[in-house]
Amino acid sequence: MDKKKPKKVFVQGAIPPEKIANSVANHQSKTNIGAHSIFLGQIRADEVEGKTVTAIDYTAYEEMAEKVFHEIREVAFAKFDITCAHIYHSLGKVKVGELCLFVFTSSAHRKIAIEATNFFVEEIKAKVPVFGKEIFEDETHQWKVNK
């Protein structure tokens, strides 16, 4: 297997919907692809102890996190017959309703693309040192626990 070079994962603020459309459009010329699978993580207005979340402020140990993202990519390419994989994660403040995680995989067949996307999402949640501070409507906050 060819070693893939590490890719930049972090984007400042919310992930714009145009990034998703452009990603799909950029793959139309790749005629060996038969399926794409996309996961979009969106900020929810969770209620915690009577207070509503209005945003999440993401921070990370960027260098370490980029290394872990790259390791997850390497494992996924070894484990699944995927053609492409792209991951984008927000840093900074992302408001309710905005996108904070975009995972996009491509393969010749849908089942592989879907399984690979699920693998990426679960591995990212479990292993990447990204931290979310939930901000409430009264401007108080608490650190988010991944579920």
N, C-alpha and C. Protein backbone atom coordinates (compact mmCIF):
# COMPACT_ATOMS: atom_id res chain seq x y z
N MET A 1 0.84 -1.18 0.00
CA MET A 1 0.00 0.00 0.00
C MET A 1 0.89 1.24 0.00
N ASP A 2 0.52 2.20 -0.84
CA ASP A 2 1.23 3.47 -0.85
C ASP A 2 0.88 4.24 0.42
N LYS A 3 1.88 4.82 1.04
CA LYS A 3 1.64 5.68 2.19
C LYS A 3 1.07 6.99 1.68
N LYS A 4 -0.05 7.39 2.23
CA LYS A 4 -0.66 8.66 1.87
C LYS A 4 -0.01 9.75 2.71
N LYS A 5 0.17 10.92 2.11
CA LYS A 5 0.75 11.99 2.91
C LYS A 5 -0.34 12.61 3.77
N PRO A 6 0.02 13.08 4.96
CA PRO A 6 -1.00 13.68 5.84
C PRO A 6 -1.70 14.85 5.17
N LYS A 7 -3.00 14.95 5.40
CA LYS A 7 -3.79 16.03 4.83
C LYS A 7 -4.25 16.95 5.95
N LYS A 8 -4.44 18.21 5.63
CA LYS A 8 -4.97 19.16 6.60
C LYS A 8 -6.43 18.82 6.86
N VAL A 9 -6.78 18.70 8.12
CA VAL A 9 -8.12 18.31 8.51
C VAL A 9 -8.91 19.49 9.07
N PHE A 10 -8.24 20.35 9.81
CA PHE A 10 -8.95 21.40 10.53
C PHE A 10 -9.32 22.59 9.66
N VAL A 11 -10.53 23.09 9.88
CA VAL A 11 -10.99 24.33 9.27
C VAL A 11 -11.45 25.24 10.40
N GLN A 12 -11.24 26.53 10.23
CA GLN A 12 -11.64 27.49 11.26
C GLN A 12 -13.14 27.75 11.14
N GLY A 13 -13.87 27.56 12.24
CA GLY A 13 -15.31 27.80 12.23
C GLY A 13 -16.08 26.66 11.59
N ALA A 14 -17.33 26.96 11.27
CA ALA A 14 -18.23 25.95 10.69
C ALA A 14 -17.76 25.52 9.31
N ILE A 15 -18.10 24.29 8.94
CA ILE A 15 -17.80 23.78 7.60
C ILE A 15 -18.92 24.27 6.67
N PRO A 16 -18.56 25.05 5.64
CA PRO A 16 -19.60 25.59 4.76
C PRO A 16 -20.21 24.49 3.88
N PRO A 17 -21.53 24.54 3.67
CA PRO A 17 -22.18 23.54 2.81
C PRO A 17 -21.56 23.47 1.41
N GLU A 18 -21.02 24.58 0.93
CA GLU A 18 -20.39 24.60 -0.40
C GLU A 18 -19.21 23.63 -0.47
N LYS A 19 -18.53 23.43 0.66
CA LYS A 19 -17.38 22.51 0.70
C LYS A 19 -17.84 21.08 0.36
N ILE A 20 -19.03 20.72 0.81
CA ILE A 20 -19.57 19.39 0.55
C ILE A 20 -19.90 19.26 -0.93
N ALA A 21 -20.61 20.25 -1.46
CA ALA A 21 -20.98 20.23 -2.89
C ALA A 21 -19.73 20.20 -3.76
N ASN A 22 -18.73 20.99 -3.42
CA ASN A 22 -17.49 21.03 -4.21
C ASN A 22 -16.76 19.69 -4.15
N SER A 23 -16.77 19.05 -2.97
CA SER A 23 -16.11 17.75 -2.84
C SER A 23 -16.74 16.72 -3.77
N VAL A 24 -18.06 16.70 -3.81
CA VAL A 24 -18.75 15.76 -4.69
C VAL A 24 -18.44 16.10 -6.15
N ALA A 25 -18.53 17.37 -6.50
CA ALA A 25 -18.27 17.80 -7.88
C ALA A 25 -16.85 17.45 -8.32
N ASN A 26 -15.89 17.58 -7.42
CA ASN A 26 -14.49 17.30 -7.76
C ASN A 26 -14.23 15.82 -8.04
N HIS A 27 -15.16 14.95 -7.68
CA HIS A 27 -14.96 13.52 -7.88
C HIS A 27 -15.72 12.98 -9.11
N GLN A 28 -16.44 13.83 -9.81
CA GLN A 28 -17.23 13.37 -10.97
C GLN A 28 -16.35 12.83 -12.10
N SER A 29 -15.12 13.30 -12.20
CA SER A 29 -14.25 12.84 -13.28
C SER A 29 -13.58 11.49 -12.97
N LYS A 30 -13.72 11.03 -11.72
CA LYS A 30 -13.09 9.76 -11.31
C LYS A 30 -14.07 8.62 -11.61
N THR A 31 -13.93 8.03 -12.79
CA THR A 31 -14.93 7.07 -13.28
C THR A 31 -14.82 5.67 -12.67
N ASN A 32 -13.81 5.45 -11.82
CA ASN A 32 -13.73 4.15 -11.12
C ASN A 32 -14.54 4.17 -9.83
N ILE A 33 -15.11 5.31 -9.48
CA ILE A 33 -15.92 5.45 -8.28
C ILE A 33 -17.38 5.16 -8.62
N GLY A 34 -18.00 4.30 -7.81
CA GLY A 34 -19.42 3.99 -7.99
C GLY A 34 -20.27 4.47 -6.84
N ALA A 35 -19.63 4.89 -5.74
CA ALA A 35 -20.40 5.30 -4.57
C ALA A 35 -19.59 6.27 -3.70
N HIS A 36 -20.32 7.18 -3.09
CA HIS A 36 -19.77 8.07 -2.07
C HIS A 36 -20.60 7.88 -0.81
N SER A 37 -19.96 8.03 0.32
CA SER A 37 -20.68 8.05 1.59
C SER A 37 -20.22 9.28 2.34
N ILE A 38 -21.20 10.00 2.89
CA ILE A 38 -20.91 11.25 3.58
C ILE A 38 -21.52 11.22 4.97
N PHE A 39 -20.73 11.65 5.95
CA PHE A 39 -21.25 11.89 7.30
C PHE A 39 -21.06 13.36 7.59
N LEU A 40 -22.13 13.99 8.08
CA LEU A 40 -22.07 15.39 8.47
C LEU A 40 -22.46 15.50 9.94
N GLY A 41 -21.55 16.02 10.75
CA GLY A 41 -21.84 16.28 12.15
C GLY A 41 -22.33 17.70 12.30
N GLN A 42 -23.48 17.86 12.93
CA GLN A 42 -24.11 19.18 13.08
C GLN A 42 -24.31 19.47 14.56
N ILE A 43 -24.16 20.72 14.94
CA ILE A 43 -24.33 21.11 16.35
C ILE A 43 -25.81 21.10 16.72
N ARG A 44 -26.13 20.38 17.80
CA ARG A 44 -27.49 20.28 18.32
C ARG A 44 -27.71 21.30 19.43
N ALA A 45 -28.96 21.71 19.58
CA ALA A 45 -29.35 22.59 20.68
C ALA A 45 -29.74 21.72 21.88
N ASP A 46 -28.78 20.97 22.41
CA ASP A 46 -29.04 20.13 23.57
C ASP A 46 -29.46 20.97 24.76
N GLU A 47 -30.29 20.37 25.62
CA GLU A 47 -30.64 21.03 26.87
C GLU A 47 -29.92 20.29 27.99
N VAL A 48 -29.17 21.04 28.79
CA VAL A 48 -28.41 20.48 29.89
C VAL A 48 -28.77 21.26 31.15
N GLU A 49 -29.37 20.57 32.11
CA GLU A 49 -29.76 21.19 33.38
C GLU A 49 -30.54 22.49 33.16
N GLY A 50 -31.48 22.44 32.22
CA GLY A 50 -32.36 23.59 31.97
C GLY A 50 -31.77 24.68 31.09
N LYS A 51 -30.54 24.49 30.62
CA LYS A 51 -29.92 25.49 29.75
C LYS A 51 -29.72 24.90 28.35
N THR A 52 -29.87 25.74 27.33
CA THR A 52 -29.78 25.27 25.95
C THR A 52 -28.43 25.64 25.34
N VAL A 53 -27.81 24.66 24.68
CA VAL A 53 -26.55 24.87 23.98
C VAL A 53 -26.81 25.77 22.76
N THR A 54 -25.98 26.80 22.58
CA THR A 54 -26.10 27.69 21.42
C THR A 54 -24.92 27.52 20.45
N ALA A 55 -23.82 26.95 20.94
CA ALA A 55 -22.64 26.76 20.11
C ALA A 55 -21.69 25.81 20.82
N ILE A 56 -20.71 25.31 20.07
CA ILE A 56 -19.61 24.55 20.66
C ILE A 56 -18.32 25.20 20.16
N ASP A 57 -17.40 25.43 21.10
CA ASP A 57 -16.10 26.02 20.77
C ASP A 57 -15.08 24.88 20.80
N TYR A 58 -14.57 24.51 19.62
CA TYR A 58 -13.64 23.38 19.50
C TYR A 58 -12.19 23.83 19.61
N THR A 59 -11.42 23.08 20.38
CA THR A 59 -9.98 23.27 20.46
C THR A 59 -9.34 21.90 20.28
N ALA A 60 -8.05 21.90 19.96
CA ALA A 60 -7.35 20.62 19.75
C ALA A 60 -5.87 20.82 19.95
N TYR A 61 -5.19 19.73 20.27
CA TYR A 61 -3.74 19.69 20.16
C TYR A 61 -3.53 19.38 18.68
N GLU A 62 -3.41 20.44 17.87
CA GLU A 62 -3.48 20.28 16.41
C GLU A 62 -2.47 19.29 15.85
N GLU A 63 -1.22 19.42 16.24
CA GLU A 63 -0.19 18.53 15.68
C GLU A 63 -0.48 17.07 16.03
N MET A 64 -0.83 16.83 17.28
CA MET A 64 -1.14 15.47 17.72
C MET A 64 -2.42 14.97 17.03
N ALA A 65 -3.43 15.83 16.95
CA ALA A 65 -4.70 15.44 16.34
C ALA A 65 -4.51 15.12 14.86
N GLU A 66 -3.73 15.94 14.15
CA GLU A 66 -3.48 15.68 12.72
C GLU A 66 -2.79 14.33 12.55
N LYS A 67 -1.89 14.00 13.46
CA LYS A 67 -1.18 12.71 13.41
C LYS A 67 -2.18 11.55 13.59
N VAL A 68 -3.11 11.70 14.54
CA VAL A 68 -4.10 10.65 14.79
C VAL A 68 -5.06 10.53 13.60
N PHE A 69 -5.49 11.67 13.05
CA PHE A 69 -6.34 11.62 11.85
C PHE A 69 -5.62 10.84 10.75
N HIS A 70 -4.33 11.12 10.56
CA HIS A 70 -3.55 10.44 9.52
C HIS A 70 -3.46 8.94 9.79
N GLU A 71 -3.24 8.56 11.04
CA GLU A 71 -3.18 7.13 11.39
C GLU A 71 -4.51 6.44 11.11
N ILE A 72 -5.61 7.11 11.42
CA ILE A 72 -6.94 6.55 11.14
C ILE A 72 -7.11 6.36 9.63
N ARG A 73 -6.67 7.34 8.84
CA ARG A 73 -6.73 7.23 7.37
C ARG A 73 -5.94 6.03 6.88
N GLU A 74 -4.73 5.87 7.41
CA GLU A 74 -3.87 4.75 6.98
C GLU A 74 -4.55 3.41 7.26
N VAL A 75 -5.13 3.26 8.44
CA VAL A 75 -5.82 2.02 8.81
C VAL A 75 -7.02 1.80 7.89
N ALA A 76 -7.78 2.86 7.64
CA ALA A 76 -8.97 2.74 6.79
C ALA A 76 -8.61 2.31 5.37
N PHE A 77 -7.54 2.89 4.81
CA PHE A 77 -7.13 2.50 3.46
C PHE A 77 -6.64 1.06 3.41
N ALA A 78 -6.06 0.57 4.50
CA ALA A 78 -5.62 -0.83 4.56
C ALA A 78 -6.80 -1.78 4.74
N LYS A 79 -7.81 -1.33 5.47
CA LYS A 79 -8.93 -2.18 5.84
C LYS A 79 -10.05 -2.21 4.80
N PHE A 80 -10.25 -1.10 4.10
CA PHE A 80 -11.37 -0.98 3.15
C PHE A 80 -10.83 -0.66 1.75
N ASP A 81 -11.52 -1.15 0.74
CA ASP A 81 -11.13 -0.89 -0.65
C ASP A 81 -11.75 0.44 -1.09
N ILE A 82 -11.23 1.55 -0.49
CA ILE A 82 -11.75 2.87 -0.82
C ILE A 82 -10.79 3.58 -1.77
N THR A 83 -11.36 4.43 -2.57
CA THR A 83 -10.61 5.20 -3.56
C THR A 83 -10.12 6.52 -2.96
N CYS A 84 -11.01 7.16 -2.20
CA CYS A 84 -10.72 8.47 -1.61
C CYS A 84 -11.31 8.54 -0.21
N ALA A 85 -10.70 9.40 0.60
CA ALA A 85 -11.25 9.70 1.93
C ALA A 85 -10.85 11.11 2.29
N HIS A 86 -11.82 11.87 2.72
CA HIS A 86 -11.57 13.26 3.12
C HIS A 86 -12.24 13.50 4.47
N ILE A 87 -11.52 14.18 5.35
CA ILE A 87 -12.03 14.49 6.69
C ILE A 87 -11.79 15.98 6.94
N TYR A 88 -12.83 16.65 7.42
CA TYR A 88 -12.69 18.05 7.85
C TYR A 88 -13.37 18.19 9.20
N HIS A 89 -12.67 18.84 10.13
CA HIS A 89 -13.22 19.07 11.47
C HIS A 89 -13.03 20.54 11.83
N SER A 90 -14.04 21.09 12.45
CA SER A 90 -13.99 22.50 12.83
C SER A 90 -13.10 22.74 14.04
N LEU A 91 -12.52 23.93 14.06
CA LEU A 91 -11.89 24.50 15.25
C LEU A 91 -12.56 25.84 15.48
N GLY A 92 -12.61 26.26 16.73
CA GLY A 92 -13.27 27.53 17.03
C GLY A 92 -14.76 27.34 17.24
N LYS A 93 -15.47 28.44 17.24
CA LYS A 93 -16.90 28.45 17.59
C LYS A 93 -17.76 28.04 16.40
N VAL A 94 -18.64 27.06 16.65
CA VAL A 94 -19.59 26.59 15.65
C VAL A 94 -20.98 26.67 16.29
N LYS A 95 -21.87 27.40 15.64
CA LYS A 95 -23.22 27.63 16.19
C LYS A 95 -24.14 26.45 15.94
N VAL A 96 -25.20 26.38 16.75
CA VAL A 96 -26.24 25.36 16.58
C VAL A 96 -26.73 25.39 15.13
N GLY A 97 -26.88 24.21 14.54
CA GLY A 97 -27.35 24.10 13.16
C GLY A 97 -26.23 24.10 12.14
N GLU A 98 -25.02 24.49 12.55
CA GLU A 98 -23.88 24.51 11.62
C GLU A 98 -23.14 23.18 11.67
N LEU A 99 -22.33 22.93 10.64
CA LEU A 99 -21.60 21.67 10.53
C LEU A 99 -20.21 21.77 11.16
N CYS A 100 -19.83 20.70 11.90
CA CYS A 100 -18.54 20.67 12.58
C CYS A 100 -17.65 19.51 12.13
N LEU A 101 -18.23 18.50 11.48
CA LEU A 101 -17.46 17.35 11.01
C LEU A 101 -18.00 16.91 9.66
N PHE A 102 -17.09 16.69 8.72
CA PHE A 102 -17.44 16.24 7.37
C PHE A 102 -16.49 15.10 7.03
N VAL A 103 -17.07 13.89 6.88
CA VAL A 103 -16.30 12.72 6.47
C VAL A 103 -16.88 12.26 5.14
N PHE A 104 -16.01 12.06 4.15
CA PHE A 104 -16.43 11.77 2.78
C PHE A 104 -15.55 10.64 2.25
N THR A 105 -16.15 9.50 1.94
CA THR A 105 -15.38 8.39 1.38
C THR A 105 -15.97 7.99 0.03
N SER A 106 -15.11 7.45 -0.81
CA SER A 106 -15.52 6.99 -2.14
C SER A 106 -14.96 5.60 -2.38
N SER A 107 -15.73 4.80 -3.12
CA SER A 107 -15.32 3.44 -3.45
C SER A 107 -16.04 3.01 -4.72
N ALA A 108 -15.65 1.88 -5.23
CA ALA A 108 -16.36 1.33 -6.39
C ALA A 108 -17.78 0.90 -6.00
N HIS A 109 -17.97 0.54 -4.72
CA HIS A 109 -19.26 0.00 -4.28
C HIS A 109 -19.75 0.67 -2.99
N ARG A 110 -21.07 0.84 -2.87
CA ARG A 110 -21.68 1.59 -1.76
C ARG A 110 -21.40 0.98 -0.38
N LYS A 111 -21.49 -0.34 -0.26
CA LYS A 111 -21.34 -0.97 1.06
C LYS A 111 -19.97 -0.63 1.67
N ILE A 112 -18.93 -0.68 0.87
CA ILE A 112 -17.58 -0.38 1.35
C ILE A 112 -17.48 1.09 1.75
N ALA A 113 -18.02 1.99 0.92
CA ALA A 113 -17.97 3.42 1.24
C ALA A 113 -18.70 3.70 2.56
N ILE A 114 -19.86 3.10 2.74
CA ILE A 114 -20.65 3.32 3.97
C ILE A 114 -19.91 2.76 5.19
N GLU A 115 -19.39 1.54 5.07
CA GLU A 115 -18.65 0.95 6.20
C GLU A 115 -17.41 1.76 6.54
N ALA A 116 -16.71 2.25 5.55
CA ALA A 116 -15.50 3.05 5.78
C ALA A 116 -15.85 4.37 6.48
N THR A 117 -16.92 5.00 6.04
CA THR A 117 -17.35 6.26 6.67
C THR A 117 -17.69 6.02 8.14
N ASN A 118 -18.43 4.96 8.42
CA ASN A 118 -18.77 4.63 9.81
C ASN A 118 -17.51 4.39 10.63
N PHE A 119 -16.55 3.69 10.06
CA PHE A 119 -15.28 3.42 10.74
C PHE A 119 -14.59 4.74 11.08
N PHE A 120 -14.48 5.63 10.10
CA PHE A 120 -13.84 6.93 10.33
C PHE A 120 -14.50 7.68 11.48
N VAL A 121 -15.83 7.79 11.45
CA VAL A 121 -16.55 8.57 12.46
C VAL A 121 -16.32 7.99 13.85
N GLU A 122 -16.44 6.69 14.00
CA GLU A 122 -16.26 6.07 15.32
C GLU A 122 -14.82 6.22 15.81
N GLU A 123 -13.85 6.04 14.93
CA GLU A 123 -12.44 6.19 15.31
C GLU A 123 -12.12 7.63 15.69
N ILE A 124 -12.65 8.58 14.93
CA ILE A 124 -12.43 10.00 15.23
C ILE A 124 -12.97 10.32 16.62
N LYS A 125 -14.21 9.92 16.87
CA LYS A 125 -14.84 10.20 18.17
C LYS A 125 -14.05 9.57 19.32
N ALA A 126 -13.51 8.37 19.09
CA ALA A 126 -12.83 7.64 20.16
C ALA A 126 -11.39 8.08 20.39
N LYS A 127 -10.69 8.53 19.33
CA LYS A 127 -9.24 8.66 19.44
C LYS A 127 -8.65 10.05 19.23
N VAL A 128 -9.34 10.93 18.53
CA VAL A 128 -8.72 12.22 18.17
C VAL A 128 -8.87 13.22 19.32
N PRO A 129 -7.75 13.85 19.73
CA PRO A 129 -7.80 14.82 20.83
C PRO A 129 -8.35 16.19 20.40
N VAL A 130 -9.68 16.19 20.18
CA VAL A 130 -10.42 17.42 19.89
C VAL A 130 -11.39 17.60 21.04
N PHE A 131 -11.47 18.84 21.54
CA PHE A 131 -12.27 19.11 22.73
C PHE A 131 -13.32 20.16 22.40
N GLY A 132 -14.55 19.90 22.85
CA GLY A 132 -15.65 20.83 22.60
C GLY A 132 -16.16 21.43 23.89
N LYS A 133 -16.21 22.75 23.90
CA LYS A 133 -16.76 23.48 25.04
C LYS A 133 -18.17 23.93 24.64
N GLU A 134 -19.19 23.34 25.30
CA GLU A 134 -20.57 23.71 25.00
C GLU A 134 -20.84 25.08 25.61
N ILE A 135 -21.35 25.99 24.78
CA ILE A 135 -21.67 27.33 25.23
C ILE A 135 -23.19 27.45 25.29
N PHE A 136 -23.68 27.91 26.46
CA PHE A 136 -25.12 28.02 26.67
C PHE A 136 -25.61 29.43 26.39
N GLU A 137 -26.96 29.57 26.32
CA GLU A 137 -27.53 30.88 25.98
C GLU A 137 -27.18 31.96 26.99
N ASP A 138 -26.86 31.56 28.24
CA ASP A 138 -26.49 32.57 29.25
C ASP A 138 -24.98 32.82 29.27
N GLU A 139 -24.27 32.32 28.23
CA GLU A 139 -22.82 32.49 28.06
C GLU A 139 -21.98 31.64 29.02
N THR A 140 -22.62 30.81 29.87
CA THR A 140 -21.85 29.86 30.67
C THR A 140 -21.45 28.72 29.75
N HIS A 141 -20.57 27.84 30.23
CA HIS A 141 -20.12 26.74 29.38
C HIS A 141 -19.78 25.50 30.22
N GLN A 142 -19.65 24.39 29.53
CA GLN A 142 -19.14 23.15 30.12
C GLN A 142 -18.43 22.37 29.02
N TRP A 143 -17.47 21.54 29.41
CA TRP A 143 -16.76 20.71 28.43
C TRP A 143 -17.65 19.55 28.02
N LYS A 144 -17.73 19.32 26.72
CA LYS A 144 -18.57 18.28 26.15
C LYS A 144 -17.94 16.91 26.34
N VAL A 145 -18.77 15.92 26.59
CA VAL A 145 -18.32 14.53 26.67
C VAL A 145 -18.83 13.81 25.43
N ASN A 146 -17.93 13.19 24.65
CA ASN A 146 -18.34 12.46 23.44
C ASN A 146 -19.15 11.24 23.81
N LYS A 147 -20.24 11.04 23.08
CA LYS A 147 -21.09 9.87 23.32
C LYS A 147 -21.14 9.01 22.09
